[in-house]
Amino acid sequence: MTAFRPFSPTAELPDTPYPLAEEYTRAQLFFEARDYTEAARILAPVVEAEPGHLAARLLLARSYYHSAQLKRAEAELRRVLERDPAETYAYLMLGRTLERQNRPADAAPYLRLAAAMNGEAEPAPRRVVHRRADD
C-alpha cells in the first residue's frame, strides 16, 4: 500500500474552507462510513491540487470503485500505476475493476501481476457472497 506522504504546503488549495489534510481525513471518514460517493466528491479536488499524493489518489480510486464509477476508478488506478509501478494493490484493484466491467481478458494480466507481486502462484478467485432468502 502506498505510504502516506504529507501534503505539500505550496499546493494550490481546492475551493474549500478546509486544508488538504483535513479534507483527506474527512474523505476517509466518509469512506469508512461507506458513503463512497461523498468520499469521491471530497477527494477529487484534493487529488487535483496534489496529483502526486498517491494515497489520496488510491482512496479516490477505491471510492469510485465502491460507488460503481468504474471508468473513473480505472482511470485513477492507471494514473497510480504510472506514478508507482510497484503498487501491488493498484494492480489488484485495476484487475477487479476491469472484471466488474465484464472485461476478464483485460483484467487477467493485472490480476496475475498482483498475485506474482504478492508471492502467490495464481490470482485469488473473486469472493462471491451468496445469501439465502431467509437471511
C-alpha atoms as a PDB file:
ATOM      1  CA  MET A   1       0.000   0.000   0.000  1.00  0.00           C
ATOM      2  CA  THR A   2       1.235   3.498  -0.733  1.00  0.00           C
ATOM      3  CA  ALA A   3       2.694   5.202   2.305  1.00  0.00           C
ATOM      4  CA  PHE A   4       1.083   8.455   3.374  1.00  0.00           C
ATOM      5  CA  ARG A   5       3.092  11.443   2.240  1.00  0.00           C
ATOM      6  CA  PRO A   6       2.270  14.780   3.868  1.00  0.00           C
ATOM      7  CA  PHE A   7       0.581  17.294   1.622  1.00  0.00           C
ATOM      8  CA  SER A   8       2.745  19.972   0.088  1.00  0.00           C
ATOM      9  CA  PRO A   9       2.411  23.350   1.829  1.00  0.00           C
ATOM     10  CA  THR A  10       2.665  25.008  -1.594  1.00  0.00           C
ATOM     11  CA  ALA A  11      -0.166  23.028  -3.182  1.00  0.00           C
ATOM     12  CA  GLU A  12      -2.994  25.096  -4.584  1.00  0.00           C
ATOM     13  CA  LEU A  13      -5.940  24.628  -2.270  1.00  0.00           C
ATOM     14  CA  PRO A  14      -9.284  23.475  -3.644  1.00  0.00           C
ATOM     15  CA  ASP A  15     -12.331  25.670  -3.178  1.00  0.00           C
ATOM     16  CA  THR A  16     -12.993  24.585   0.398  1.00  0.00           C
ATOM     17  CA  PRO A  17     -12.576  26.159   3.812  1.00  0.00           C
ATOM     18  CA  TYR A  18     -10.502  23.165   4.961  1.00  0.00           C
ATOM     19  CA  PRO A  19      -6.796  22.422   4.373  1.00  0.00           C
ATOM     20  CA  LEU A  20      -5.980  19.460   2.149  1.00  0.00           C
ATOM     21  CA  ALA A  21      -5.012  17.165   5.020  1.00  0.00           C
ATOM     22  CA  GLU A  22      -8.335  17.841   6.735  1.00  0.00           C
ATOM     23  CA  GLU A  23     -10.224  17.161   3.503  1.00  0.00           C
ATOM     24  CA  TYR A  24      -8.331  13.895   3.097  1.00  0.00           C
ATOM     25  CA  THR A  25      -9.250  12.925   6.671  1.00  0.00           C
ATOM     26  CA  ARG A  26     -12.897  13.883   6.047  1.00  0.00           C
ATOM     27  CA  ALA A  27     -12.914  11.730   2.914  1.00  0.00           C
ATOM     28  CA  GLN A  28     -11.501   8.796   4.888  1.00  0.00           C
ATOM     29  CA  LEU A  29     -14.342   9.156   7.394  1.00  0.00           C
ATOM     30  CA  PHE A  30     -16.943   9.120   4.642  1.00  0.00           C
ATOM     31  CA  PHE A  31     -15.235   6.120   3.038  1.00  0.00           C
ATOM     32  CA  GLU A  32     -15.229   4.238   6.352  1.00  0.00           C
ATOM     33  CA  ALA A  33     -18.926   5.108   6.731  1.00  0.00           C
ATOM     34  CA  ARG A  34     -19.444   3.555   3.280  1.00  0.00           C
ATOM     35  CA  ASP A  35     -20.542   6.847   1.732  1.00  0.00           C
ATOM     36  CA  TYR A  36     -18.254   6.313  -1.238  1.00  0.00           C
ATOM     37  CA  THR A  37     -19.853   8.934  -3.469  1.00  0.00           C
ATOM     38  CA  GLU A  38     -19.299  11.661  -0.893  1.00  0.00           C
ATOM     39  CA  ALA A  39     -15.745  10.465  -0.264  1.00  0.00           C
ATOM     40  CA  ALA A  40     -15.045  10.725  -4.007  1.00  0.00           C
ATOM     41  CA  ARG A  41     -16.625  14.190  -4.166  1.00  0.00           C
ATOM     42  CA  ILE A  42     -14.313  15.388  -1.385  1.00  0.00           C
ATOM     43  CA  LEU A  43     -11.214  13.670  -2.767  1.00  0.00           C
ATOM     44  CA  ALA A  44     -11.440  14.808  -6.399  1.00  0.00           C
ATOM     45  CA  PRO A  45     -10.313  18.394  -5.678  1.00  0.00           C
ATOM     46  CA  VAL A  46      -7.695  17.148  -3.204  1.00  0.00           C
ATOM     47  CA  VAL A  47      -6.145  14.924  -5.881  1.00  0.00           C
ATOM     48  CA  GLU A  48      -6.375  17.766  -8.403  1.00  0.00           C
ATOM     49  CA  ALA A  49      -4.452  20.039  -6.014  1.00  0.00           C
ATOM     50  CA  GLU A  50      -1.919  17.308  -5.102  1.00  0.00           C
ATOM     51  CA  PRO A  51      -1.665  14.969  -8.112  1.00  0.00           C
ATOM     52  CA  GLY A  52       1.431  13.254  -6.721  1.00  0.00           C
ATOM     53  CA  HIS A  53      -0.238  12.209  -3.473  1.00  0.00           C
ATOM     54  CA  LEU A  54      -0.745   8.526  -4.249  1.00  0.00           C
ATOM     55  CA  ALA A  55      -2.559   7.642  -1.031  1.00  0.00           C
ATOM     56  CA  ALA A  56      -5.251  10.225  -1.821  1.00  0.00           C
ATOM     57  CA  ARG A  57      -5.434   9.083  -5.451  1.00  0.00           C
ATOM     58  CA  LEU A  58      -5.738   5.434  -4.399  1.00  0.00           C
ATOM     59  CA  LEU A  59      -8.513   6.280  -1.929  1.00  0.00           C
ATOM     60  CA  LEU A  60     -10.264   8.204  -4.714  1.00  0.00           C
ATOM     61  CA  ALA A  61      -9.994   5.153  -6.981  1.00  0.00           C
ATOM     62  CA  ARG A  62     -11.383   2.927  -4.223  1.00  0.00           C
ATOM     63  CA  SER A  63     -14.248   5.378  -3.669  1.00  0.00           C
ATOM     64  CA  TYR A  64     -15.049   5.331  -7.372  1.00  0.00           C
ATOM     65  CA  TYR A  65     -14.864   1.520  -7.423  1.00  0.00           C
ATOM     66  CA  HIS A  66     -17.223   1.082  -4.476  1.00  0.00           C
ATOM     67  CA  SER A  67     -19.681   3.649  -5.860  1.00  0.00           C
ATOM     68  CA  ALA A  68     -19.698   1.802  -9.232  1.00  0.00           C
ATOM     69  CA  GLN A  69     -17.992   4.637 -11.097  1.00  0.00           C
ATOM     70  CA  LEU A  70     -15.821   2.056 -12.773  1.00  0.00           C
ATOM     71  CA  LYS A  71     -14.446   4.104 -15.693  1.00  0.00           C
ATOM     72  CA  ARG A  72     -13.262   6.759 -13.237  1.00  0.00           C
ATOM     73  CA  ALA A  73     -11.791   4.101 -10.960  1.00  0.00           C
ATOM     74  CA  GLU A  74      -9.946   2.585 -13.903  1.00  0.00           C
ATOM     75  CA  ALA A  75      -8.524   5.967 -14.938  1.00  0.00           C
ATOM     76  CA  GLU A  76      -7.311   6.769 -11.412  1.00  0.00           C
ATOM     77  CA  LEU A  77      -5.750   3.331 -10.973  1.00  0.00           C
ATOM     78  CA  ARG A  78      -3.874   3.694 -14.243  1.00  0.00           C
ATOM     79  CA  ARG A  79      -2.563   7.064 -13.015  1.00  0.00           C
ATOM     80  CA  VAL A  80      -1.433   5.446  -9.753  1.00  0.00           C
ATOM     81  CA  LEU A  81       0.437   2.768 -11.690  1.00  0.00           C
ATOM     82  CA  GLU A  82       2.055   5.354 -13.986  1.00  0.00           C
ATOM     83  CA  ARG A  83       3.496   7.062 -10.914  1.00  0.00           C
ATOM     84  CA  ASP A  84       4.224   3.951  -8.844  1.00  0.00           C
ATOM     85  CA  PRO A  85       4.514   0.736 -10.870  1.00  0.00           C
ATOM     86  CA  ALA A  86       5.340  -1.209  -7.685  1.00  0.00           C
ATOM     87  CA  GLU A  87       1.911  -0.513  -6.128  1.00  0.00           C
ATOM     88  CA  THR A  88       0.636  -4.080  -5.881  1.00  0.00           C
ATOM     89  CA  TYR A  89      -2.810  -3.148  -4.584  1.00  0.00           C
ATOM     90  CA  ALA A  90      -3.426  -0.887  -7.594  1.00  0.00           C
ATOM     91  CA  TYR A  91      -2.811  -3.852  -9.937  1.00  0.00           C
ATOM     92  CA  LEU A  92      -5.302  -5.947  -7.973  1.00  0.00           C
ATOM     93  CA  MET A  93      -7.884  -3.163  -7.925  1.00  0.00           C
ATOM     94  CA  LEU A  94      -7.438  -2.450 -11.615  1.00  0.00           C
ATOM     95  CA  GLY A  95      -7.969  -6.130 -12.377  1.00  0.00           C
ATOM     96  CA  ARG A  96     -11.102  -6.257 -10.217  1.00  0.00           C
ATOM     97  CA  THR A  97     -12.374  -3.019 -11.799  1.00  0.00           C
ATOM     98  CA  LEU A  98     -11.948  -4.456 -15.272  1.00  0.00           C
ATOM     99  CA  GLU A  99     -13.700  -7.655 -14.164  1.00  0.00           C
ATOM    100  CA  ARG A 100     -16.662  -5.623 -12.938  1.00  0.00           C
ATOM    101  CA  GLN A 101     -16.816  -4.011 -16.382  1.00  0.00           C
ATOM    102  CA  ASN A 102     -17.105  -7.507 -17.885  1.00  0.00           C
ATOM    103  CA  ARG A 103     -13.590  -7.341 -19.344  1.00  0.00           C
ATOM    104  CA  PRO A 104     -11.989 -10.514 -17.977  1.00  0.00           C
ATOM    105  CA  ALA A 105      -9.357 -10.733 -20.724  1.00  0.00           C
ATOM    106  CA  ASP A 106      -8.195  -7.196 -19.929  1.00  0.00           C
ATOM    107  CA  ALA A 107      -8.246  -7.947 -16.193  1.00  0.00           C
ATOM    108  CA  ALA A 108      -6.222 -11.162 -16.314  1.00  0.00           C
ATOM    109  CA  PRO A 109      -2.699  -9.692 -16.744  1.00  0.00           C
ATOM    110  CA  TYR A 110      -3.210  -7.227 -13.878  1.00  0.00           C
ATOM    111  CA  LEU A 111      -4.527  -9.937 -11.576  1.00  0.00           C
ATOM    112  CA  ARG A 112      -1.638 -12.265 -12.464  1.00  0.00           C
ATOM    113  CA  LEU A 113       0.874  -9.488 -11.840  1.00  0.00           C
ATOM    114  CA  ALA A 114      -0.698  -8.617  -8.480  1.00  0.00           C
ATOM    115  CA  ALA A 115      -0.590 -12.295  -7.487  1.00  0.00           C
ATOM    116  CA  ALA A 116       3.048 -12.633  -8.550  1.00  0.00           C
ATOM    117  CA  MET A 117       3.996  -9.467  -6.649  1.00  0.00           C
ATOM    118  CA  ASN A 118       2.352 -10.965  -3.547  1.00  0.00           C
ATOM    119  CA  GLY A 119       4.181 -14.267  -3.982  1.00  0.00           C
ATOM    120  CA  GLU A 120       1.079 -16.209  -4.992  1.00  0.00           C
ATOM    121  CA  ALA A 121       1.086 -18.833  -7.740  1.00  0.00           C
ATOM    122  CA  GLU A 122      -2.135 -17.590  -9.305  1.00  0.00           C
ATOM    123  CA  PRO A 123      -4.720 -14.849  -8.716  1.00  0.00           C
ATOM    124  CA  ALA A 124      -7.135 -15.419  -5.890  1.00  0.00           C
ATOM    125  CA  PRO A 125     -10.661 -16.071  -7.115  1.00  0.00           C
ATOM    126  CA  ARG A 126     -13.205 -13.357  -6.550  1.00  0.00           C
ATOM    127  CA  ARG A 127     -15.158 -13.918  -3.410  1.00  0.00           C
ATOM    128  CA  VAL A 128     -18.847 -14.084  -4.116  1.00  0.00           C
ATOM    129  CA  VAL A 129     -21.185 -13.993  -1.169  1.00  0.00           C
ATOM    130  CA  HIS A 130     -24.451 -15.790  -1.737  1.00  0.00           C
ATOM    131  CA  ARG A 131     -27.175 -15.025   0.728  1.00  0.00           C
ATOM    132  CA  ARG A 132     -30.030 -17.300   1.428  1.00  0.00           C
ATOM    133  CA  ALA A 133     -33.516 -15.921   1.004  1.00  0.00           C
ATOM    134  CA  ASP A 134     -34.261 -16.391   4.707  1.00  0.00           C
ATOM    135  CA  ASP A 135     -31.208 -14.346   5.888  1.00  0.00           C
END
